[in-house]
Amino acid sequence: MTMQELAQAVAAGRVQGFEAISLEGGFYVLQVRLAEGLRPVRNEGGQVLHLRSTTQVREVLRDWASLPCELVQHCAHDEICAAHPTAVQPLRVPLSLEPRE
């Protein structure tokens, strides 16, 4: 979903919220939560949008600060080493999209 498609989906009331997925190396990718599931936010070239900070996440989503956003961080060590016999749920923390002073 491009930023233009995202704006149209928000205007149509289809967007339930956002997820900022924390990746190893200090990157974040955005997913849009829709009734039909999650969709990644892509740049105009079709590549998944990579952001360098939560500040950038806030800047990209500033027009939709009223929608909920969660910072999601998976446990990479447990995923790689398969340390748990059951799936480990990712850490989910509410992320305010209000601009920081």
PDB file of N, CA and C in Angstrom:
ATOM      1  N   MET A   1       0.847  -1.164   0.000  1.00  0.00           N
ATOM      2  CA  MET A   1       0.000   0.000   0.000  1.00  0.00           C
ATOM      3  C   MET A   1       0.899   1.235   0.000  1.00  0.00           C
ATOM      4  N   THR A   2       0.763   2.069  -0.998  1.00  0.00           N
ATOM      5  CA  THR A   2       1.543   3.304  -1.071  1.00  0.00           C
ATOM      6  C   THR A   2       0.929   4.350  -0.145  1.00  0.00           C
ATOM      7  N   MET A   3       1.636   5.454   0.046  1.00  0.00           N
ATOM      8  CA  MET A   3       1.123   6.521   0.900  1.00  0.00           C
ATOM      9  C   MET A   3      -0.181   7.093   0.329  1.00  0.00           C
ATOM     10  N   GLN A   4      -0.285   7.165  -0.984  1.00  0.00           N
ATOM     11  CA  GLN A   4      -1.512   7.658  -1.611  1.00  0.00           C
ATOM     12  C   GLN A   4      -2.668   6.694  -1.339  1.00  0.00           C
ATOM     13  N   GLU A   5      -2.416   5.406  -1.481  1.00  0.00           N
ATOM     14  CA  GLU A   5      -3.449   4.411  -1.185  1.00  0.00           C
ATOM     15  C   GLU A   5      -3.820   4.436   0.293  1.00  0.00           C
ATOM     16  N   LEU A   6      -2.817   4.676   1.144  1.00  0.00           N
ATOM     17  CA  LEU A   6      -3.071   4.783   2.572  1.00  0.00           C
ATOM     18  C   LEU A   6      -3.991   5.963   2.876  1.00  0.00           C
ATOM     19  N   ALA A   7      -3.711   7.102   2.274  1.00  0.00           N
ATOM     20  CA  ALA A   7      -4.554   8.290   2.479  1.00  0.00           C
ATOM     21  C   ALA A   7      -5.992   8.016   2.044  1.00  0.00           C
ATOM     22  N   GLN A   8      -6.160   7.329   0.935  1.00  0.00           N
ATOM     23  CA  GLN A   8      -7.502   6.993   0.460  1.00  0.00           C
ATOM     24  C   GLN A   8      -8.206   6.030   1.408  1.00  0.00           C
ATOM     25  N   ALA A   9      -7.466   5.045   1.931  1.00  0.00           N
ATOM     26  CA  ALA A   9      -8.039   4.071   2.860  1.00  0.00           C
ATOM     27  C   ALA A   9      -8.448   4.743   4.172  1.00  0.00           C
ATOM     28  N   VAL A  10      -7.624   5.683   4.651  1.00  0.00           N
ATOM     29  CA  VAL A  10      -7.965   6.407   5.879  1.00  0.00           C
ATOM     30  C   VAL A  10      -9.222   7.238   5.642  1.00  0.00           C
ATOM     31  N   ALA A  11      -9.279   7.951   4.518  1.00  0.00           N
ATOM     32  CA  ALA A  11     -10.446   8.779   4.197  1.00  0.00           C
ATOM     33  C   ALA A  11     -11.716   7.950   4.097  1.00  0.00           C
ATOM     34  N   ALA A  12     -11.582   6.711   3.634  1.00  0.00           N
ATOM     35  CA  ALA A  12     -12.739   5.821   3.493  1.00  0.00           C
ATOM     36  C   ALA A  12     -13.091   5.134   4.814  1.00  0.00           C
ATOM     37  N   GLY A  13     -12.289   5.355   5.857  1.00  0.00           N
ATOM     38  CA  GLY A  13     -12.565   4.748   7.154  1.00  0.00           C
ATOM     39  C   GLY A  13     -12.195   3.276   7.245  1.00  0.00           C
ATOM     40  N   ARG A  14     -11.325   2.813   6.367  1.00  0.00           N
ATOM     41  CA  ARG A  14     -10.941   1.391   6.342  1.00  0.00           C
ATOM     42  C   ARG A  14      -9.774   1.055   7.262  1.00  0.00           C
ATOM     43  N   VAL A  15      -9.008   2.070   7.690  1.00  0.00           N
ATOM     44  CA  VAL A  15      -7.804   1.832   8.495  1.00  0.00           C
ATOM     45  C   VAL A  15      -8.169   1.791   9.972  1.00  0.00           C
ATOM     46  N   GLN A  16      -7.781   0.697  10.621  1.00  0.00           N
ATOM     47  CA  GLN A  16      -8.038   0.533  12.048  1.00  0.00           C
ATOM     48  C   GLN A  16      -6.862   1.006  12.890  1.00  0.00           C
ATOM     49  N   GLY A  17      -5.671   1.025  12.322  1.00  0.00           N
ATOM     50  CA  GLY A  17      -4.485   1.455  13.045  1.00  0.00           C
ATOM     51  C   GLY A  17      -3.225   1.067  12.302  1.00  0.00           C
ATOM     52  N   PHE A  18      -2.103   1.224  12.995  1.00  0.00           N
ATOM     53  CA  PHE A  18      -0.795   0.971  12.391  1.00  0.00           C
ATOM     54  C   PHE A  18       0.054   0.117  13.322  1.00  0.00           C
ATOM     55  N   GLU A  19       1.031  -0.566  12.727  1.00  0.00           N
ATOM     56  CA  GLU A  19       2.055  -1.272  13.476  1.00  0.00           C
ATOM     57  C   GLU A  19       3.401  -0.815  12.935  1.00  0.00           C
ATOM     58  N   ALA A  20       4.277  -0.407  13.836  1.00  0.00           N
ATOM     59  CA  ALA A  20       5.656  -0.081  13.481  1.00  0.00           C
ATOM     60  C   ALA A  20       6.490  -1.260  13.945  1.00  0.00           C
ATOM     61  N   ILE A  21       6.952  -2.054  13.000  1.00  0.00           N
ATOM     62  CA  ILE A  21       7.696  -3.274  13.307  1.00  0.00           C
ATOM     63  C   ILE A  21       9.175  -2.938  13.441  1.00  0.00           C
ATOM     64  N   SER A  22       9.747  -3.211  14.609  1.00  0.00           N
ATOM     65  CA  SER A  22      11.157  -2.963  14.859  1.00  0.00           C
ATOM     66  C   SER A  22      11.970  -4.128  14.307  1.00  0.00           C
ATOM     67  N   LEU A  23      12.942  -3.800  13.432  1.00  0.00           N
ATOM     68  CA  LEU A  23      13.807  -4.817  12.837  1.00  0.00           C
ATOM     69  C   LEU A  23      15.222  -4.650  13.365  1.00  0.00           C
ATOM     70  N   GLU A  24      15.956  -5.744  13.373  1.00  0.00           N
ATOM     71  CA  GLU A  24      17.344  -5.689  13.790  1.00  0.00           C
ATOM     72  C   GLU A  24      18.102  -4.729  12.886  1.00  0.00           C
ATOM     73  N   GLY A  25      18.974  -3.947  13.451  1.00  0.00           N
ATOM     74  CA  GLY A  25      19.726  -2.959  12.686  1.00  0.00           C
ATOM     75  C   GLY A  25      19.155  -1.563  12.820  1.00  0.00           C
ATOM     76  N   GLY A  26      18.094  -1.410  13.616  1.00  0.00           N
ATOM     77  CA  GLY A  26      17.541  -0.084  13.870  1.00  0.00           C
ATOM     78  C   GLY A  26      16.564   0.416  12.826  1.00  0.00           C
ATOM     79  N   PHE A  27      15.978  -0.480  12.060  1.00  0.00           N
ATOM     80  CA  PHE A  27      14.988  -0.089  11.065  1.00  0.00           C
ATOM     81  C   PHE A  27      13.587  -0.362  11.576  1.00  0.00           C
ATOM     82  N   TYR A  28      12.634   0.351  11.025  1.00  0.00           N
ATOM     83  CA  TYR A  28      11.224   0.117  11.305  1.00  0.00           C
ATOM     84  C   TYR A  28      10.497   0.016   9.974  1.00  0.00           C
ATOM     85  N   VAL A  29       9.549  -0.890   9.888  1.00  0.00           N
ATOM     86  CA  VAL A  29       8.654  -0.948   8.738  1.00  0.00           C
ATOM     87  C   VAL A  29       7.238  -0.747   9.262  1.00  0.00           C
ATOM     88  N   LEU A  30       6.412  -0.149   8.442  1.00  0.00           N
ATOM     89  CA  LEU A  30       5.034   0.134   8.833  1.00  0.00           C
ATOM     90  C   LEU A  30       4.086  -0.853   8.210  1.00  0.00           C
ATOM     91  N   GLN A  31       3.103  -1.253   8.990  1.00  0.00           N
ATOM     92  CA  GLN A  31       2.002  -2.056   8.477  1.00  0.00           C
ATOM     93  C   GLN A  31       0.710  -1.334   8.826  1.00  0.00           C
ATOM     94  N   VAL A  32      -0.241  -1.442   7.925  1.00  0.00           N
ATOM     95  CA  VAL A  32      -1.551  -0.842   8.125  1.00  0.00           C
ATOM     96  C   VAL A  32      -2.505  -1.954   8.534  1.00  0.00           C
ATOM     97  N   ARG A  33      -3.226  -1.728   9.613  1.00  0.00           N
ATOM     98  CA  ARG A  33      -4.199  -2.717  10.084  1.00  0.00           C
ATOM     99  C   ARG A  33      -5.569  -2.395   9.473  1.00  0.00           C
ATOM    100  N   LEU A  34      -6.037  -3.310   8.619  1.00  0.00           N
ATOM    101  CA  LEU A  34      -7.343  -3.202   7.973  1.00  0.00           C
ATOM    102  C   LEU A  34      -8.202  -4.364   8.455  1.00  0.00           C
ATOM    103  N   ALA A  35      -9.511  -4.299   8.225  1.00  0.00           N
ATOM    104  CA  ALA A  35     -10.394  -5.405   8.616  1.00  0.00           C
ATOM    105  C   ALA A  35      -9.961  -6.709   7.954  1.00  0.00           C
ATOM    106  N   GLU A  36      -9.450  -6.627   6.736  1.00  0.00           N
ATOM    107  CA  GLU A  36      -9.051  -7.835   6.013  1.00  0.00           C
ATOM    108  C   GLU A  36      -7.629  -8.294   6.327  1.00  0.00           C
ATOM    109  N   GLY A  37      -6.906  -7.573   7.185  1.00  0.00           N
ATOM    110  CA  GLY A  37      -5.569  -7.997   7.575  1.00  0.00           C
ATOM    111  C   GLY A  37      -4.558  -6.861   7.525  1.00  0.00           C
ATOM    112  N   LEU A  38      -3.297  -7.218   7.677  1.00  0.00           N
ATOM    113  CA  LEU A  38      -2.209  -6.244   7.670  1.00  0.00           C
ATOM    114  C   LEU A  38      -1.635  -6.083   6.268  1.00  0.00           C
ATOM    115  N   ARG A  39      -1.294  -4.845   5.920  1.00  0.00           N
ATOM    116  CA  ARG A  39      -0.647  -4.564   4.635  1.00  0.00           C
ATOM    117  C   ARG A  39       0.560  -3.679   4.879  1.00  0.00           C
ATOM    118  N   PRO A  40       1.694  -3.970   4.264  1.00  0.00           N
ATOM    119  CA  PRO A  40       2.875  -3.123   4.450  1.00  0.00           C
ATOM    120  C   PRO A  40       2.736  -1.798   3.696  1.00  0.00           C
ATOM    121  N   VAL A  41       3.366  -0.765   4.234  1.00  0.00           N
ATOM    122  CA  VAL A  41       3.415   0.530   3.551  1.00  0.00           C
ATOM    123  C   VAL A  41       4.636   0.499   2.636  1.00  0.00           C
ATOM    124  N   ARG A  42       4.428   0.887   1.385  1.00  0.00           N
ATOM    125  CA  ARG A  42       5.488   0.837   0.366  1.00  0.00           C
ATOM    126  C   ARG A  42       5.759   2.236  -0.176  1.00  0.00           C
ATOM    127  N   ASN A  43       6.969   2.431  -0.678  1.00  0.00           N
ATOM    128  CA  ASN A  43       7.283   3.701  -1.332  1.00  0.00           C
ATOM    129  C   ASN A  43       6.717   3.673  -2.753  1.00  0.00           C
ATOM    130  N   GLU A  44       6.918   4.746  -3.473  1.00  0.00           N
ATOM    131  CA  GLU A  44       6.351   4.838  -4.825  1.00  0.00           C
ATOM    132  C   GLU A  44       6.961   3.812  -5.781  1.00  0.00           C
ATOM    133  N   GLY A  45       8.141   3.309  -5.470  1.00  0.00           N
ATOM    134  CA  GLY A  45       8.783   2.300  -6.304  1.00  0.00           C
ATOM    135  C   GLY A  45       8.340   0.881  -5.979  1.00  0.00           C
ATOM    136  N   GLY A  46       7.452   0.731  -4.990  1.00  0.00           N
ATOM    137  CA  GLY A  46       6.943  -0.578  -4.628  1.00  0.00           C
ATOM    138  C   GLY A  46       7.739  -1.297  -3.552  1.00  0.00           C
ATOM    139  N   GLN A  47       8.836  -0.673  -3.082  1.00  0.00           N
ATOM    140  CA  GLN A  47       9.652  -1.267  -2.028  1.00  0.00           C
ATOM    141  C   GLN A  47       9.035  -0.973  -0.658  1.00  0.00           C
ATOM    142  N   VAL A  48       9.163  -1.922   0.262  1.00  0.00           N
ATOM    143  CA  VAL A  48       8.673  -1.701   1.619  1.00  0.00           C
ATOM    144  C   VAL A  48       9.427  -0.513   2.208  1.00  0.00           C
ATOM    145  N   LEU A  49       8.686   0.410   2.779  1.00  0.00           N
ATOM    146  CA  LEU A  49       9.240   1.630   3.354  1.00  0.00           C
ATOM    147  C   LEU A  49      10.021   1.295   4.623  1.00  0.00           C
ATOM    148  N   HIS A  50      11.298   1.658   4.666  1.00  0.00           N
ATOM    149  CA  HIS A  50      12.154   1.460   5.840  1.00  0.00           C
ATOM    150  C   HIS A  50      12.382   2.813   6.498  1.00  0.00           C
ATOM    151  N   LEU A  51      12.111   2.887   7.791  1.00  0.00           N
ATOM    152  CA  LEU A  51      12.301   4.123   8.539  1.00  0.00           C
ATOM    153  C   LEU A  51      13.389   3.898   9.574  1.00  0.00           C
ATOM    154  N   ARG A  52      14.103   4.968   9.940  1.00  0.00           N
ATOM    155  CA  ARG A  52      15.264   4.847  10.824  1.00  0.00           C
ATOM    156  C   ARG A  52      14.965   5.116  12.300  1.00  0.00           C
ATOM    157  N   SER A  53      13.784   5.627  12.627  1.00  0.00           N
ATOM    158  CA  SER A  53      13.501   5.960  14.021  1.00  0.00           C
ATOM    159  C   SER A  53      11.996   6.076  14.234  1.00  0.00           C
ATOM    160  N   THR A  54      11.619   6.084  15.509  1.00  0.00           N
ATOM    161  CA  THR A  54      10.201   6.310  15.811  1.00  0.00           C
ATOM    162  C   THR A  54       9.819   7.748  15.479  1.00  0.00           C
ATOM    163  N   THR A  55      10.777   8.648  15.486  1.00  0.00           N
ATOM    164  CA  THR A  55      10.513  10.028  15.071  1.00  0.00           C
ATOM    165  C   THR A  55      10.100  10.056  13.608  1.00  0.00           C
ATOM    166  N   GLN A  56      10.783   9.281  12.767  1.00  0.00           N
ATOM    167  CA  GLN A  56      10.394   9.191  11.356  1.00  0.00           C
ATOM    168  C   GLN A  56       9.019   8.551  11.212  1.00  0.00           C
ATOM    169  N   VAL A  57       8.724   7.560  12.030  1.00  0.00           N
ATOM    170  CA  VAL A  57       7.390   6.942  12.004  1.00  0.00           C
ATOM    171  C   VAL A  57       6.340   8.011  12.274  1.00  0.00           C
ATOM    172  N   ARG A  58       6.568   8.827  13.308  1.00  0.00           N
ATOM    173  CA  ARG A  58       5.620   9.901  13.646  1.00  0.00           C
ATOM    174  C   ARG A  58       5.479  10.897  12.495  1.00  0.00           C
ATOM    175  N   GLU A  59       6.598  11.238  11.844  1.00  0.00           N
ATOM    176  CA  GLU A  59       6.557  12.189  10.726  1.00  0.00           C
ATOM    177  C   GLU A  59       5.736  11.643   9.564  1.00  0.00           C
ATOM    178  N   VAL A  60       5.946  10.376   9.230  1.00  0.00           N
ATOM    179  CA  VAL A  60       5.237   9.762   8.104  1.00  0.00           C
ATOM    180  C   VAL A  60       3.740   9.671   8.383  1.00  0.00           C
ATOM    181  N   LEU A  61       3.379   9.391   9.633  1.00  0.00           N
ATOM    182  CA  LEU A  61       1.967   9.188   9.989  1.00  0.00           C
ATOM    183  C   LEU A  61       1.326  10.390  10.662  1.00  0.00           C
ATOM    184  N   ARG A  62       1.976  11.557  10.625  1.00  0.00           N
ATOM    185  CA  ARG A  62       1.492  12.733  11.368  1.00  0.00           C
ATOM    186  C   ARG A  62       0.067  13.140  11.019  1.00  0.00           C
ATOM    187  N   ASP A  63      -0.347  12.927   9.775  1.00  0.00           N
ATOM    188  CA  ASP A  63      -1.707  13.316   9.375  1.00  0.00           C
ATOM    189  C   ASP A  63      -2.770  12.411   9.981  1.00  0.00           C
ATOM    190  N   TRP A  64      -2.357  11.280  10.525  1.00  0.00           N
ATOM    191  CA  TRP A  64      -3.311  10.313  11.068  1.00  0.00           C
ATOM    192  C   TRP A  64      -3.007   9.994  12.529  1.00  0.00           C
ATOM    193  N   ALA A  65      -2.543  11.008  13.268  1.00  0.00           N
ATOM    194  CA  ALA A  65      -2.132  10.832  14.669  1.00  0.00           C
ATOM    195  C   ALA A  65      -3.274  10.354  15.560  1.00  0.00           C
ATOM    196  N   SER A  66      -4.506  10.520  15.117  1.00  0.00           N
ATOM    197  CA  SER A  66      -5.647  10.087  15.934  1.00  0.00           C
ATOM    198  C   SER A  66      -5.852   8.567  15.882  1.00  0.00           C
ATOM    199  N   LEU A  67      -5.226   7.904  14.915  1.00  0.00           N
ATOM    200  CA  LEU A  67      -5.352   6.448  14.808  1.00  0.00           C
ATOM    201  C   LEU A  67      -4.341   5.759  15.721  1.00  0.00           C
ATOM    202  N   PRO A  68      -4.699   4.608  16.280  1.00  0.00           N
ATOM    203  CA  PRO A  68      -3.760   3.909  17.167  1.00  0.00           C
ATOM    204  C   PRO A  68      -2.570   3.328  16.405  1.00  0.00           C
ATOM    205  N   CYS A  69      -1.442   3.304  17.096  1.00  0.00           N
ATOM    206  CA  CYS A  69      -0.225   2.734  16.532  1.00  0.00           C
ATOM    207  C   CYS A  69       0.465   1.942  17.632  1.00  0.00           C
ATOM    208  N   GLU A  70       1.002   0.783  17.255  1.00  0.00           N
ATOM    209  CA  GLU A  70       1.752  -0.040  18.194  1.00  0.00           C
ATOM    210  C   GLU A  70       3.159  -0.249  17.666  1.00  0.00           C
ATOM    211  N   LEU A  71       4.116  -0.165  18.576  1.00  0.00           N
ATOM    212  CA  LEU A  71       5.481  -0.545  18.272  1.00  0.00           C
ATOM    213  C   LEU A  71       5.575  -2.033  18.555  1.00  0.00           C
ATOM    214  N   VAL A  72       6.000  -2.814  17.571  1.00  0.00           N
ATOM    215  CA  VAL A  72       6.041  -4.272  17.698  1.00  0.00           C
ATOM    216  C   VAL A  72       7.493  -4.723  17.581  1.00  0.00           C
ATOM    217  N   GLN A  73       7.944  -5.481  18.589  1.00  0.00           N
ATOM    218  CA  GLN A  73       9.317  -5.994  18.560  1.00  0.00           C
ATOM    219  C   GLN A  73       9.287  -7.489  18.827  1.00  0.00           C
ATOM    220  N   HIS A  74       9.767  -8.250  17.844  1.00  0.00           N
ATOM    221  CA  HIS A  74       9.869  -9.694  17.977  1.00  0.00           C
ATOM    222  C   HIS A  74      11.164 -10.032  18.703  1.00  0.00           C
ATOM    223  N   CYS A  75      11.204 -11.179  19.306  1.00  0.00           N
ATOM    224  CA  CYS A  75      12.416 -11.648  19.976  1.00  0.00           C
ATOM    225  C   CYS A  75      13.237 -12.446  18.967  1.00  0.00           C
ATOM    226  N   ALA A  76      14.193 -11.789  18.331  1.00  0.00           N
ATOM    227  CA  ALA A  76      14.980 -12.435  17.269  1.00  0.00           C
ATOM    228  C   ALA A  76      15.751 -13.646  17.783  1.00  0.00           C
ATOM    229  N   HIS A  77      16.284 -13.575  18.979  1.00  0.00           N
ATOM    230  CA  HIS A  77      17.057 -14.695  19.532  1.00  0.00           C
ATOM    231  C   HIS A  77      16.192 -15.945  19.631  1.00  0.00           C
ATOM    232  N   ASP A  78      14.981 -15.792  20.156  1.00  0.00           N
ATOM    233  CA  ASP A  78      14.098 -16.947  20.298  1.00  0.00           C
ATOM    234  C   ASP A  78      13.663 -17.488  18.940  1.00  0.00           C
ATOM    235  N   GLU A  79      13.468 -16.599  17.966  1.00  0.00           N
ATOM    236  CA  GLU A  79      13.070 -17.061  16.637  1.00  0.00           C
ATOM    237  C   GLU A  79      14.203 -17.832  15.967  1.00  0.00           C
ATOM    238  N   ILE A  80      15.426 -17.354  16.122  1.00  0.00           N
ATOM    239  CA  ILE A  80      16.573 -17.988  15.475  1.00  0.00           C
ATOM    240  C   ILE A  80      16.930 -19.305  16.157  1.00  0.00           C
ATOM    241  N   CYS A  81      16.959 -19.301  17.472  1.00  0.00           N
ATOM    242  CA  CYS A  81      17.423 -20.473  18.221  1.00  0.00           C
ATOM    243  C   CYS A  81      16.312 -21.455  18.570  1.00  0.00           C
ATOM    244  N   ALA A  82      15.083 -21.067  18.345  1.00  0.00           N
ATOM    245  CA  ALA A  82      13.939 -21.918  18.684  1.00  0.00           C
ATOM    246  C   ALA A  82      14.015 -22.365  20.142  1.00  0.00           C
ATOM    247  N   ALA A  83      14.243 -21.400  21.019  1.00  0.00           N
ATOM    248  CA  ALA A  83      14.455 -21.705  22.433  1.00  0.00           C
ATOM    249  C   ALA A  83      13.171 -22.105  23.159  1.00  0.00           C
ATOM    250  N   HIS A  84      12.035 -21.719  22.647  1.00  0.00           N
ATOM    251  CA  HIS A  84      10.777 -22.011  23.324  1.00  0.00           C
ATOM    252  C   HIS A  84       9.997 -23.079  22.565  1.00  0.00           C
ATOM    253  N   PRO A  85       9.360 -23.991  23.292  1.00  0.00           N
ATOM    254  CA  PRO A  85       8.566 -25.021  22.620  1.00  0.00           C
ATOM    255  C   PRO A  85       7.278 -24.461  22.004  1.00  0.00           C
ATOM    256  N   THR A  86       6.864 -23.274  22.452  1.00  0.00           N
ATOM    257  CA  THR A  86       5.679 -22.622  21.884  1.00  0.00           C
ATOM    258  C   THR A  86       6.096 -21.272  21.318  1.00  0.00           C
ATOM    259  N   ALA A  87       5.263 -20.725  20.476  1.00  0.00           N
ATOM    260  CA  ALA A  87       5.565 -19.434  19.867  1.00  0.00           C
ATOM    261  C   ALA A  87       5.602 -18.338  20.929  1.00  0.00           C
ATOM    262  N   VAL A  88       6.578 -17.457  20.829  1.00  0.00           N
ATOM    263  CA  VAL A  88       6.704 -16.325  21.734  1.00  0.00           C
ATOM    264  C   VAL A  88       6.023 -15.137  21.067  1.00  0.00           C
ATOM    265  N   GLN A  89       5.092 -14.528  21.773  1.00  0.00           N
ATOM    266  CA  GLN A  89       4.387 -13.379  21.227  1.00  0.00           C
ATOM    267  C   GLN A  89       5.302 -12.162  21.229  1.00  0.00           C
ATOM    268  N   PRO A  90       5.209 -11.327  20.211  1.00  0.00           N
ATOM    269  CA  PRO A  90       6.050 -10.132  20.170  1.00  0.00           C
ATOM    270  C   PRO A  90       5.635  -9.131  21.246  1.00  0.00           C
ATOM    271  N   LEU A  91       6.576  -8.296  21.632  1.00  0.00           N
ATOM    272  CA  LEU A  91       6.304  -7.199  22.544  1.00  0.00           C
ATOM    273  C   LEU A  91       5.525  -6.144  21.770  1.00  0.00           C
ATOM    274  N   ARG A  92       4.422  -5.683  22.330  1.00  0.00           N
ATOM    275  CA  ARG A  92       3.595  -4.654  21.693  1.00  0.00           C
ATOM    276  C   ARG A  92       3.421  -3.497  22.667  1.00  0.00           C
ATOM    277  N   VAL A  93       3.841  -2.303  22.239  1.00  0.00           N
ATOM    278  CA  VAL A  93       3.782  -1.123  23.076  1.00  0.00           C
ATOM    279  C   VAL A  93       3.066  -0.025  22.298  1.00  0.00           C
ATOM    280  N   PRO A  94       2.069   0.637  22.912  1.00  0.00           N
ATOM    281  CA  PRO A  94       1.427   1.743  22.214  1.00  0.00           C
ATOM    282  C   PRO A  94       2.456   2.830  21.879  1.00  0.00           C
ATOM    283  N   LEU A  95       2.366   3.370  20.683  1.00  0.00           N
ATOM    284  CA  LEU A  95       3.266   4.431  20.236  1.00  0.00           C
ATOM    285  C   LEU A  95       2.426   5.645  19.872  1.00  0.00           C
ATOM    286  N   SER A  96       2.606   6.717  20.609  1.00  0.00           N
ATOM    287  CA  SER A  96       1.878   7.949  20.319  1.00  0.00           C
ATOM    288  C   SER A  96       2.403   8.555  19.021  1.00  0.00           C
ATOM    289  N   LEU A  97       1.495   8.953  18.166  1.00  0.00           N
ATOM    290  CA  LEU A  97       1.884   9.584  16.907  1.00  0.00           C
ATOM    291  C   LEU A  97       1.894  11.099  17.019  1.00  0.00           C
ATOM    292  N   GLU A  98       1.608  11.609  18.208  1.00  0.00           N
ATOM    293  CA  GLU A  98       1.651  13.068  18.420  1.00  0.00           C
ATOM    294  C   GLU A  98       3.089  13.542  18.257  1.00  0.00           C
ATOM    295  N   PRO A  99       3.286  14.689  17.616  1.00  0.00           N
ATOM    296  CA  PRO A  99       4.645  15.193  17.428  1.00  0.00           C
ATOM    297  C   PRO A  99       5.324  15.501  18.762  1.00  0.00           C
ATOM    298  N   ARG A 100       6.603  15.229  18.839  1.00  0.00           N
ATOM    299  CA  ARG A 100       7.399  15.525  20.039  1.00  0.00           C
ATOM    300  C   ARG A 100       7.996  16.913  19.896  1.00  0.00           C
ATOM    301  N   GLU A 101       8.044  17.621  20.979  1.00  0.00           N
ATOM    302  CA  GLU A 101       8.622  18.984  20.975  1.00  0.00           C
ATOM    303  C   GLU A 101      10.111  18.920  21.082  1.00  0.00           C
TER     304      GLU A 101
END
